[in-house]
PDB file of N, CA and C in Angstrom:
ATOM      1  N   MET A   1     248.219  95.907 136.245  1.00  0.00           N
ATOM      2  CA  MET A   1     249.150  94.836 136.576  1.00  0.00           C
ATOM      3  C   MET A   1     248.587  93.525 136.030  1.00  0.00           C
ATOM      4  N   ARG A   2     249.459  92.748 135.406  1.00  0.00           N
ATOM      5  CA  ARG A   2     249.021  91.453 134.871  1.00  0.00           C
ATOM      6  C   ARG A   2     250.027  90.369 135.228  1.00  0.00           C
ATOM      7  N   ILE A   3     249.589  89.143 135.174  1.00  0.00           N
ATOM      8  CA  ILE A   3     250.429  87.987 135.473  1.00  0.00           C
ATOM      9  C   ILE A   3     250.985  87.435 134.156  1.00  0.00           C
ATOM     10  N   ILE A   4     252.300  87.249 134.120  1.00  0.00           N
ATOM     11  CA  ILE A   4     252.983  86.704 132.949  1.00  0.00           C
ATOM     12  C   ILE A   4     253.705  85.437 133.404  1.00  0.00           C
ATOM     13  N   TRP A   5     253.552  84.366 132.655  1.00  0.00           N
ATOM     14  CA  TRP A   5     254.207  83.101 132.987  1.00  0.00           C
ATOM     15  C   TRP A   5     255.401  82.893 132.056  1.00  0.00           C
ATOM     16  N   SER A   6     256.576  82.657 132.621  1.00  0.00           N
ATOM     17  CA  SER A   6     257.758  82.357 131.801  1.00  0.00           C
ATOM     18  C   SER A   6     257.569  80.986 131.152  1.00  0.00           C
ATOM     19  N   ASP A   7     258.271  80.764 130.074  1.00  0.00           N
ATOM     20  CA  ASP A   7     258.213  79.461 129.414  1.00  0.00           C
ATOM     21  C   ASP A   7     258.657  78.359 130.377  1.00  0.00           C
ATOM     22  N   PHE A   8     259.673  78.669 131.181  1.00  0.00           N
ATOM     23  CA  PHE A   8     260.165  77.674 132.132  1.00  0.00           C
ATOM     24  C   PHE A   8     259.087  77.308 133.156  1.00  0.00           C
ATOM     25  N   ALA A   9     258.397  78.313 133.702  1.00  0.00           N
ATOM     26  CA  ALA A   9     257.340  78.056 134.687  1.00  0.00           C
ATOM     27  C   ALA A   9     256.203  77.234 134.066  1.00  0.00           C
ATOM     28  N   VAL A  10     255.843  77.544 132.845  1.00  0.00           N
ATOM     29  CA  VAL A  10     254.791  76.779 132.147  1.00  0.00           C
ATOM     30  C   VAL A  10     255.238  75.334 131.959  1.00  0.00           C
ATOM     31  N   SER A  11     256.502  75.145 131.607  1.00  0.00           N
ATOM     32  CA  SER A  11     257.036  73.796 131.443  1.00  0.00           C
ATOM     33  C   SER A  11     256.973  73.021 132.763  1.00  0.00           C
ATOM     34  N   GLU A  12     257.304  73.682 133.859  1.00  0.00           N
ATOM     35  CA  GLU A  12     257.220  73.046 135.173  1.00  0.00           C
ATOM     36  C   GLU A  12     255.781  72.666 135.499  1.00  0.00           C
ATOM     37  N   LEU A  13     254.831  73.549 135.190  1.00  0.00           N
ATOM     38  CA  LEU A  13     253.409  73.236 135.429  1.00  0.00           C
ATOM     39  C   LEU A  13     252.970  72.006 134.635  1.00  0.00           C
ATOM     40  N   LYS A  14     253.410  71.927 133.396  1.00  0.00           N
ATOM     41  CA  LYS A  14     253.059  70.765 132.574  1.00  0.00           C
ATOM     42  C   LYS A  14     253.621  69.486 133.173  1.00  0.00           C
ATOM     43  N   ASP A  15     254.863  69.547 133.655  1.00  0.00           N
ATOM     44  CA  ASP A  15     255.474  68.374 134.291  1.00  0.00           C
ATOM     45  C   ASP A  15     254.712  67.976 135.553  1.00  0.00           C
ATOM     46  N   ILE A  16     254.335  68.972 136.355  1.00  0.00           N
ATOM     47  CA  ILE A  16     253.575  68.708 137.580  1.00  0.00           C
ATOM     48  C   ILE A  16     252.239  68.042 137.227  1.00  0.00           C
ATOM     49  N   PHE A  17     251.554  68.591 136.225  1.00  0.00           N
ATOM     50  CA  PHE A  17     250.275  68.022 135.810  1.00  0.00           C
ATOM     51  C   PHE A  17     250.439  66.571 135.367  1.00  0.00           C
ATOM     52  N   GLN A  18     251.427  66.314 134.520  1.00  0.00           N
ATOM     53  CA  GLN A  18     251.628  64.945 134.014  1.00  0.00           C
ATOM     54  C   GLN A  18     251.954  63.974 135.141  1.00  0.00           C
ATOM     55  N   TYR A  19     252.776  64.421 136.070  1.00  0.00           N
ATOM     56  CA  TYR A  19     253.124  63.549 137.200  1.00  0.00           C
ATOM     57  C   TYR A  19     251.875  63.197 138.010  1.00  0.00           C
ATOM     58  N   TYR A  20     251.123  64.196 138.430  1.00  0.00           N
ATOM     59  CA  TYR A  20     249.937  63.934 139.245  1.00  0.00           C
ATOM     60  C   TYR A  20     248.861  63.189 138.469  1.00  0.00           C
ATOM     61  N   LYS A  21     248.775  63.437 137.187  1.00  0.00           N
ATOM     62  CA  LYS A  21     247.819  62.695 136.362  1.00  0.00           C
ATOM     63  C   LYS A  21     248.148  61.203 136.389  1.00  0.00           C
ATOM     64  N   SER A  22     249.449  60.879 136.327  1.00  0.00           N
ATOM     65  CA  SER A  22     249.848  59.467 136.285  1.00  0.00           C
ATOM     66  C   SER A  22     249.738  58.781 137.650  1.00  0.00           C
ATOM     67  N   VAL A  23     249.946  59.519 138.747  1.00  0.00           N
ATOM     68  CA  VAL A  23     249.917  58.866 140.064  1.00  0.00           C
ATOM     69  C   VAL A  23     248.618  59.051 140.831  1.00  0.00           C
ATOM     70  N   ALA A  24     247.856  60.112 140.511  1.00  0.00           N
ATOM     71  CA  ALA A  24     246.651  60.384 141.301  1.00  0.00           C
ATOM     72  C   ALA A  24     245.400  60.592 140.453  1.00  0.00           C
ATOM     73  N   GLY A  25     245.572  60.735 139.159  1.00  0.00           N
ATOM     74  CA  GLY A  25     244.422  60.918 138.274  1.00  0.00           C
ATOM     75  C   GLY A  25     244.306  62.346 137.762  1.00  0.00           C
ATOM     76  N   LYS A  26     243.592  62.461 136.663  1.00  0.00           N
ATOM     77  CA  LYS A  26     243.461  63.748 135.981  1.00  0.00           C
ATOM     78  C   LYS A  26     242.770  64.795 136.853  1.00  0.00           C
ATOM     79  N   ASN A  27     241.733  64.407 137.601  1.00  0.00           N
ATOM     80  CA  ASN A  27     241.004  65.376 138.424  1.00  0.00           C
ATOM     81  C   ASN A  27     241.892  65.993 139.501  1.00  0.00           C
ATOM     82  N   ILE A  28     242.688  65.175 140.165  1.00  0.00           N
ATOM     83  CA  ILE A  28     243.604  65.677 141.204  1.00  0.00           C
ATOM     84  C   ILE A  28     244.646  66.590 140.571  1.00  0.00           C
ATOM     85  N   ALA A  29     245.187  66.174 139.441  1.00  0.00           N
ATOM     86  CA  ALA A  29     246.190  66.991 138.750  1.00  0.00           C
ATOM     87  C   ALA A  29     245.613  68.347 138.364  1.00  0.00           C
ATOM     88  N   GLN A  30     244.406  68.351 137.821  1.00  0.00           N
ATOM     89  CA  GLN A  30     243.774  69.607 137.404  1.00  0.00           C
ATOM     90  C   GLN A  30     243.466  70.490 138.606  1.00  0.00           C
ATOM     91  N   LYS A  31     243.043  69.885 139.707  1.00  0.00           N
ATOM     92  CA  LYS A  31     242.746  70.648 140.915  1.00  0.00           C
ATOM     93  C   LYS A  31     244.012  71.350 141.430  1.00  0.00           C
ATOM     94  N   LEU A  32     245.135  70.669 141.421  1.00  0.00           N
ATOM     95  CA  LEU A  32     246.390  71.268 141.865  1.00  0.00           C
ATOM     96  C   LEU A  32     246.794  72.429 140.963  1.00  0.00           C
ATOM     97  N   ILE A  33     246.738  72.223 139.656  1.00  0.00           N
ATOM     98  CA  ILE A  33     247.108  73.279 138.705  1.00  0.00           C
ATOM     99  C   ILE A  33     246.171  74.474 138.851  1.00  0.00           C
ATOM    100  N   ASN A  34     244.871  74.218 138.983  1.00  0.00           N
ATOM    101  CA  ASN A  34     243.912  75.313 139.185  1.00  0.00           C
ATOM    102  C   ASN A  34     244.231  76.091 140.459  1.00  0.00           C
ATOM    103  N   GLY A  35     244.612  75.384 141.512  1.00  0.00           N
ATOM    104  CA  GLY A  35     244.973  76.035 142.767  1.00  0.00           C
ATOM    105  C   GLY A  35     246.193  76.922 142.620  1.00  0.00           C
ATOM    106  N   ILE A  36     247.153  76.468 141.839  1.00  0.00           N
ATOM    107  CA  ILE A  36     248.358  77.271 141.583  1.00  0.00           C
ATOM    108  C   ILE A  36     247.970  78.541 140.836  1.00  0.00           C
ATOM    109  N   PHE A  37     247.182  78.412 139.780  1.00  0.00           N
ATOM    110  CA  PHE A  37     246.737  79.589 139.022  1.00  0.00           C
ATOM    111  C   PHE A  37     245.927  80.532 139.912  1.00  0.00           C
ATOM    112  N   GLN A  38     245.022  79.991 140.700  1.00  0.00           N
ATOM    113  CA  GLN A  38     244.172  80.808 141.570  1.00  0.00           C
ATOM    114  C   GLN A  38     245.010  81.592 142.569  1.00  0.00           C
ATOM    115  N   SER A  39     246.029  80.963 143.125  1.00  0.00           N
ATOM    116  CA  SER A  39     246.844  81.628 144.146  1.00  0.00           C
ATOM    117  C   SER A  39     247.623  82.818 143.597  1.00  0.00           C
ATOM    118  N   THR A  40     247.900  82.819 142.298  1.00  0.00           N
ATOM    119  CA  THR A  40     248.658  83.934 141.724  1.00  0.00           C
ATOM    120  C   THR A  40     247.798  85.172 141.491  1.00  0.00           C
ATOM    121  N   LYS A  41     246.488  85.027 141.496  1.00  0.00           N
ATOM    122  CA  LYS A  41     245.602  86.171 141.232  1.00  0.00           C
ATOM    123  C   LYS A  41     245.760  87.280 142.268  1.00  0.00           C
ATOM    124  N   GLN A  42     246.105  86.929 143.495  1.00  0.00           N
ATOM    125  CA  GLN A  42     246.283  87.945 144.527  1.00  0.00           C
ATOM    126  C   GLN A  42     247.417  88.905 144.195  1.00  0.00           C
ATOM    127  N   LEU A  43     248.347  88.458 143.362  1.00  0.00           N
ATOM    128  CA  LEU A  43     249.512  89.286 143.023  1.00  0.00           C
ATOM    129  C   LEU A  43     249.137  90.498 142.182  1.00  0.00           C
ATOM    130  N   ILE A  44     248.002  90.451 141.523  1.00  0.00           N
ATOM    131  CA  ILE A  44     247.559  91.588 140.711  1.00  0.00           C
ATOM    132  C   ILE A  44     247.350  92.808 141.603  1.00  0.00           C
ATOM    133  N   LYS A  45     246.692  92.616 142.737  1.00  0.00           N
ATOM    134  CA  LYS A  45     246.449  93.722 143.667  1.00  0.00           C
ATOM    135  C   LYS A  45     247.568  93.870 144.694  1.00  0.00           C
ATOM    136  N   TYR A  46     248.169  92.767 145.080  1.00  0.00           N
ATOM    137  CA  TYR A  46     249.163  92.762 146.157  1.00  0.00           C
ATOM    138  C   TYR A  46     250.457  92.081 145.691  1.00  0.00           C
ATOM    139  N   PRO A  47     251.213  92.736 144.821  1.00  0.00           N
ATOM    140  CA  PRO A  47     252.404  92.103 144.253  1.00  0.00           C
ATOM    141  C   PRO A  47     253.502  91.792 145.266  1.00  0.00           C
ATOM    142  N   GLU A  48     253.471  92.407 146.414  1.00  0.00           N
ATOM    143  CA  GLU A  48     254.497  92.137 147.419  1.00  0.00           C
ATOM    144  C   GLU A  48     253.965  91.267 148.549  1.00  0.00           C
ATOM    145  N   SER A  49     252.887  90.536 148.288  1.00  0.00           N
ATOM    146  CA  SER A  49     252.287  89.712 149.330  1.00  0.00           C
ATOM    147  C   SER A  49     253.094  88.461 149.634  1.00  0.00           C
ATOM    148  N   GLY A  50     253.917  88.030 148.716  1.00  0.00           N
ATOM    149  CA  GLY A  50     254.755  86.858 148.960  1.00  0.00           C
ATOM    150  C   GLY A  50     256.017  87.224 149.709  1.00  0.00           C
ATOM    151  N   GLN A  51     256.616  86.218 150.320  1.00  0.00           N
ATOM    152  CA  GLN A  51     257.874  86.436 151.030  1.00  0.00           C
ATOM    153  C   GLN A  51     259.027  86.558 150.048  1.00  0.00           C
ATOM    154  N   ILE A  52     260.086  87.225 150.482  1.00  0.00           N
ATOM    155  CA  ILE A  52     261.297  87.337 149.666  1.00  0.00           C
ATOM    156  C   ILE A  52     261.949  85.963 149.577  1.00  0.00           C
ATOM    157  N   GLU A  53     262.361  85.579 148.375  1.00  0.00           N
ATOM    158  CA  GLU A  53     263.040  84.301 148.166  1.00  0.00           C
ATOM    159  C   GLU A  53     264.524  84.496 148.465  1.00  0.00           C
ATOM    160  N   GLU A  54     264.917  84.114 149.667  1.00  0.00           N
ATOM    161  CA  GLU A  54     266.285  84.342 150.132  1.00  0.00           C
ATOM    162  C   GLU A  54     267.329  83.678 149.239  1.00  0.00           C
ATOM    163  N   SER A  55     267.041  82.504 148.732  1.00  0.00           N
ATOM    164  CA  SER A  55     268.038  81.794 147.931  1.00  0.00           C
ATOM    165  C   SER A  55     268.292  82.452 146.576  1.00  0.00           C
ATOM    166  N   LEU A  56     267.420  83.387 146.153  1.00  0.00           N
ATOM    167  CA  LEU A  56     267.625  84.108 144.895  1.00  0.00           C
ATOM    168  C   LEU A  56     267.970  85.581 145.135  1.00  0.00           C
ATOM    169  N   ARG A  57     268.140  85.959 146.378  1.00  0.00           N
ATOM    170  CA  ARG A  57     268.436  87.352 146.719  1.00  0.00           C
ATOM    171  C   ARG A  57     269.696  87.852 146.016  1.00  0.00           C
ATOM    172  N   LYS A  58     270.679  86.974 145.855  1.00  0.00           N
ATOM    173  CA  LYS A  58     271.951  87.382 145.236  1.00  0.00           C
ATOM    174  C   LYS A  58     271.778  87.859 143.793  1.00  0.00           C
ATOM    175  N   LEU A  59     270.675  87.496 143.146  1.00  0.00           N
ATOM    176  CA  LEU A  59     270.405  87.966 141.786  1.00  0.00           C
ATOM    177  C   LEU A  59     269.959  89.425 141.776  1.00  0.00           C
ATOM    178  N   ASN A  60     269.521  89.901 142.940  1.00  0.00           N
ATOM    179  CA  ASN A  60     269.084  91.289 143.108  1.00  0.00           C
ATOM    180  C   ASN A  60     267.967  91.678 142.130  1.00  0.00           C
ATOM    181  N   GLU A  61     267.011  90.759 141.938  1.00  0.00           N
ATOM    182  CA  GLU A  61     265.897  91.009 141.027  1.00  0.00           C
ATOM    183  C   GLU A  61     264.554  91.046 141.767  1.00  0.00           C
ATOM    184  N   GLY A  62     264.601  90.968 143.093  1.00  0.00           N
ATOM    185  CA  GLY A  62     263.373  91.082 143.872  1.00  0.00           C
ATOM    186  C   GLY A  62     262.464  89.870 143.833  1.00  0.00           C
ATOM    187  N   HIS A  63     263.034  88.682 143.686  1.00  0.00           N
ATOM    188  CA  HIS A  63     262.212  87.469 143.644  1.00  0.00           C
ATOM    189  C   HIS A  63     261.482  87.263 144.967  1.00  0.00           C
ATOM    190  N   ARG A  64     260.231  86.896 144.856  1.00  0.00           N
ATOM    191  CA  ARG A  64     259.381  86.558 145.992  1.00  0.00           C
ATOM    192  C   ARG A  64     258.719  85.218 145.690  1.00  0.00           C
ATOM    193  N   TYR A  65     257.993  84.703 146.664  1.00  0.00           N
ATOM    194  CA  TYR A  65     257.297  83.442 146.417  1.00  0.00           C
ATOM    195  C   TYR A  65     256.003  83.339 147.209  1.00  0.00           C
ATOM    196  N   LEU A  66     255.114  82.525 146.661  1.00  0.00           N
ATOM    197  CA  LEU A  66     253.895  82.081 147.334  1.00  0.00           C
ATOM    198  C   LEU A  66     254.010  80.568 147.479  1.00  0.00           C
ATOM    199  N   VAL A  67     253.361  80.010 148.462  1.00  0.00           N
ATOM    200  CA  VAL A  67     253.383  78.556 148.638  1.00  0.00           C
ATOM    201  C   VAL A  67     251.969  78.026 148.477  1.00  0.00           C
ATOM    202  N   ILE A  68     251.846  76.995 147.674  1.00  0.00           N
ATOM    203  CA  ILE A  68     250.588  76.251 147.569  1.00  0.00           C
ATOM    204  C   ILE A  68     250.952  74.772 147.502  1.00  0.00           C
ATOM    205  N   SER A  69     250.339  74.010 148.361  1.00  0.00           N
ATOM    206  CA  SER A  69     250.633  72.591 148.481  1.00  0.00           C
ATOM    207  C   SER A  69     252.137  72.442 148.735  1.00  0.00           C
ATOM    208  N   ASN A  70     252.828  71.677 147.909  1.00  0.00           N
ATOM    209  CA  ASN A  70     254.271  71.473 148.070  1.00  0.00           C
ATOM    210  C   ASN A  70     255.092  72.340 147.120  1.00  0.00           C
ATOM    211  N   TYR A  71     254.502  73.403 146.601  1.00  0.00           N
ATOM    212  CA  TYR A  71     255.172  74.187 145.563  1.00  0.00           C
ATOM    213  C   TYR A  71     255.351  75.645 145.933  1.00  0.00           C
ATOM    214  N   LYS A  72     256.521  76.159 145.598  1.00  0.00           N
ATOM    215  CA  LYS A  72     256.780  77.588 145.693  1.00  0.00           C
ATOM    216  C   LYS A  72     256.552  78.175 144.308  1.00  0.00           C
ATOM    217  N   ILE A  73     255.758  79.198 144.240  1.00  0.00           N
ATOM    218  CA  ILE A  73     255.554  79.922 142.990  1.00  0.00           C
ATOM    219  C   ILE A  73     256.476  81.133 143.077  1.00  0.00           C
ATOM    220  N   ILE A  74     257.548  81.099 142.313  1.00  0.00           N
ATOM    221  CA  ILE A  74     258.575  82.137 142.353  1.00  0.00           C
ATOM    222  C   ILE A  74     258.193  83.214 141.341  1.00  0.00           C
ATOM    223  N   TYR A  75     258.252  84.479 141.773  1.00  0.00           N
ATOM    224  CA  TYR A  75     257.876  85.573 140.880  1.00  0.00           C
ATOM    225  C   TYR A  75     258.678  86.823 141.183  1.00  0.00           C
ATOM    226  N   LYS A  76     258.601  87.772 140.260  1.00  0.00           N
ATOM    227  CA  LYS A  76     259.219  89.083 140.454  1.00  0.00           C
ATOM    228  C   LYS A  76     258.426  90.116 139.677  1.00  0.00           C
ATOM    229  N   LYS A  77     258.537  91.358 140.117  1.00  0.00           N
ATOM    230  CA  LYS A  77     257.881  92.444 139.398  1.00  0.00           C
ATOM    231  C   LYS A  77     258.764  92.843 138.217  1.00  0.00           C
ATOM    232  N   VAL A  78     258.122  93.026 137.081  1.00  0.00           N
ATOM    233  CA  VAL A  78     258.785  93.545 135.878  1.00  0.00           C
ATOM    234  C   VAL A  78     257.905  94.675 135.353  1.00  0.00           C
ATOM    235  N   LYS A  79     258.419  95.438 134.406  1.00  0.00           N
ATOM    236  CA  LYS A  79     257.638  96.589 133.938  1.00  0.00           C
ATOM    237  C   LYS A  79     256.299  96.186 133.326  1.00  0.00           C
ATOM    238  N   GLU A  80     256.198  94.971 132.771  1.00  0.00           N
ATOM    239  CA  GLU A  80     254.956  94.518 132.141  1.00  0.00           C
ATOM    240  C   GLU A  80     253.949  93.973 133.142  1.00  0.00           C
ATOM    241  N   GLY A  81     254.386  93.682 134.380  1.00  0.00           N
ATOM    242  CA  GLY A  81     253.490  93.126 135.387  1.00  0.00           C
ATOM    243  C   GLY A  81     254.241  92.249 136.367  1.00  0.00           C
ATOM    244  N   ILE A  82     253.672  91.098 136.672  1.00  0.00           N
ATOM    245  CA  ILE A  82     254.281  90.121 137.572  1.00  0.00           C
ATOM    246  C   ILE A  82     254.701  88.920 136.733  1.00  0.00           C
ATOM    247  N   LEU A  83     255.985  88.607 136.778  1.00  0.00           N
ATOM    248  CA  LEU A  83     256.522  87.488 136.009  1.00  0.00           C
ATOM    249  C   LEU A  83     256.707  86.285 136.931  1.00  0.00           C
ATOM    250  N   ILE A  84     255.980  85.214 136.650  1.00  0.00           N
ATOM    251  CA  ILE A  84     256.163  83.948 137.354  1.00  0.00           C
ATOM    252  C   ILE A  84     257.340  83.259 136.673  1.00  0.00           C
ATOM    253  N   THR A  85     258.425  83.071 137.429  1.00  0.00           N
ATOM    254  CA  THR A  85     259.641  82.529 136.824  1.00  0.00           C
ATOM    255  C   THR A  85     259.817  81.036 137.040  1.00  0.00           C
ATOM    256  N   ASP A  86     259.153  80.486 138.071  1.00  0.00           N
ATOM    257  CA  ASP A  86     259.392  79.089 138.406  1.00  0.00           C
ATOM    258  C   ASP A  86     258.261  78.581 139.288  1.00  0.00           C
ATOM    259  N   VAL A  87     258.026  77.289 139.230  1.00  0.00           N
ATOM    260  CA  VAL A  87     257.168  76.594 140.183  1.00  0.00           C
ATOM    261  C   VAL A  87     258.046  75.478 140.726  1.00  0.00           C
ATOM    262  N   PHE A  88     258.486  75.652 141.973  1.00  0.00           N
ATOM    263  CA  PHE A  88     259.529  74.818 142.561  1.00  0.00           C
ATOM    264  C   PHE A  88     258.943  73.879 143.609  1.00  0.00           C
ATOM    265  N   ASP A  89     259.237  72.600 143.471  1.00  0.00           N
ATOM    266  CA  ASP A  89     258.780  71.593 144.425  1.00  0.00           C
ATOM    267  C   ASP A  89     259.616  71.708 145.699  1.00  0.00           C
ATOM    268  N   THR A  90     258.980  72.060 146.805  1.00  0.00           N
ATOM    269  CA  THR A  90     259.701  72.297 148.053  1.00  0.00           C
ATOM    270  C   THR A  90     260.235  71.016 148.692  1.00  0.00           C
ATOM    271  N   ARG A  91     259.891  69.869 148.148  1.00  0.00           N
ATOM    272  CA  ARG A  91     260.427  68.605 148.671  1.00  0.00           C
ATOM    273  C   ARG A  91     261.830  68.347 148.143  1.00  0.00           C
ATOM    274  N   GLN A  92     262.278  69.170 147.203  1.00  0.00           N
ATOM    275  CA  GLN A  92     263.642  69.074 146.695  1.00  0.00           C
ATOM    276  C   GLN A  92     264.581  69.816 147.642  1.00  0.00           C
ATOM    277  N   SER A  93     265.852  69.584 147.460  1.00  0.00           N
ATOM    278  CA  SER A  93     266.852  70.330 148.213  1.00  0.00           C
ATOM    279  C   SER A  93     266.754  71.810 147.821  1.00  0.00           C
ATOM    280  N   PRO A  94     266.719  72.717 148.788  1.00  0.00           N
ATOM    281  CA  PRO A  94     266.588  74.152 148.475  1.00  0.00           C
ATOM    282  C   PRO A  94     267.692  74.683 147.561  1.00  0.00           C
ATOM    283  N   GLU A  95     268.862  74.068 147.601  1.00  0.00           N
ATOM    284  CA  GLU A  95     269.960  74.520 146.751  1.00  0.00           C
ATOM    285  C   GLU A  95     269.651  74.353 145.260  1.00  0.00           C
ATOM    286  N   LYS A  96     268.753  73.433 144.943  1.00  0.00           N
ATOM    287  CA  LYS A  96     268.410  73.185 143.544  1.00  0.00           C
ATOM    288  C   LYS A  96     267.747  74.384 142.874  1.00  0.00           C
ATOM    289  N   ILE A  97     267.191  75.286 143.670  1.00  0.00           N
ATOM    290  CA  ILE A  97     266.536  76.457 143.088  1.00  0.00           C
ATOM    291  C   ILE A  97     267.558  77.347 142.370  1.00  0.00           C
ATOM    292  N   ASN A  98     268.832  77.224 142.737  1.00  0.00           N
ATOM    293  CA  ASN A  98     269.907  78.009 142.120  1.00  0.00           C
ATOM    294  C   ASN A  98     270.581  77.294 140.969  1.00  0.00           C
ATOM    295  N   ASN A  99     270.110  76.111 140.624  1.00  0.00           N
ATOM    296  CA  ASN A  99     270.688  75.358 139.515  1.00  0.00           C
ATOM    297  C   ASN A  99     270.561  76.185 138.233  1.00  0.00           C
ATOM    298  N   PRO A 100     271.650  76.350 137.476  1.00  0.00           N
ATOM    299  CA  PRO A 100     271.589  77.139 136.232  1.00  0.00           C
ATOM    300  C   PRO A 100     270.558  76.631 135.229  1.00  0.00           C
ATOM    301  N   LYS A 101     270.179  75.356 135.330  1.00  0.00           N
ATOM    302  CA  LYS A 101     269.168  74.824 134.422  1.00  0.00           C
ATOM    303  C   LYS A 101     267.783  75.375 134.729  1.00  0.00           C
ATOM    304  N   ARG A 102     267.598  75.869 135.953  1.00  0.00           N
ATOM    305  CA  ARG A 102     266.335  76.496 136.333  1.00  0.00           C
ATOM    306  C   ARG A 102     266.415  77.944 135.896  1.00  0.00           C
ATOM    307  N   LYS A 103     265.642  78.305 134.922  1.00  0.00           N
ATOM    308  CA  LYS A 103     265.701  79.654 134.379  1.00  0.00           C
ATOM    309  C   LYS A 103     264.892  80.624 135.240  1.00  0.00           C
ATOM    310  N   THR A 104     265.343  81.879 135.293  1.00  0.00           N
ATOM    311  CA  THR A 104     264.616  82.872 136.079  1.00  0.00           C
ATOM    312  C   THR A 104     264.147  84.031 135.191  1.00  0.00           C
ATOM    313  N   GLU A 105     264.278  83.909 133.913  1.00  0.00           N
ATOM    314  CA  GLU A 105     263.829  84.953 132.980  1.00  0.00           C
ATOM    315  C   GLU A 105     262.718  84.414 132.105  1.00  0.00           C
ATOM    316  N   LYS A 106     262.169  85.301 131.263  1.00  0.00           N
ATOM    317  CA  LYS A 106     261.104  84.914 130.331  1.00  0.00           C
ATOM    318  C   LYS A 106     261.578  83.865 129.375  1.00  0.00           C
TER     319      LYS A 106
END
């Protein structure tokens, strides 16, 4: 089992890093990003350790999530491993997770 990051999730991580770099400094930004990466390692052994993402249940793709700081790391099992589809800021309205601009595929 391996962790795969979608282009969309990587783009979200870059945005998160840039934001925290500008408001809190590079060290804080890097610490947050490292924490996000570290938290996904558990999925290699325990892919169902996250809770089911109810707002994406209608897609019927088995989306789950982990929470670190203010972020939900949205993922699903695929034949190649665990696909991280999104890193969602939980301070936003939960309905935004269903916005068509938020991609859920590779």
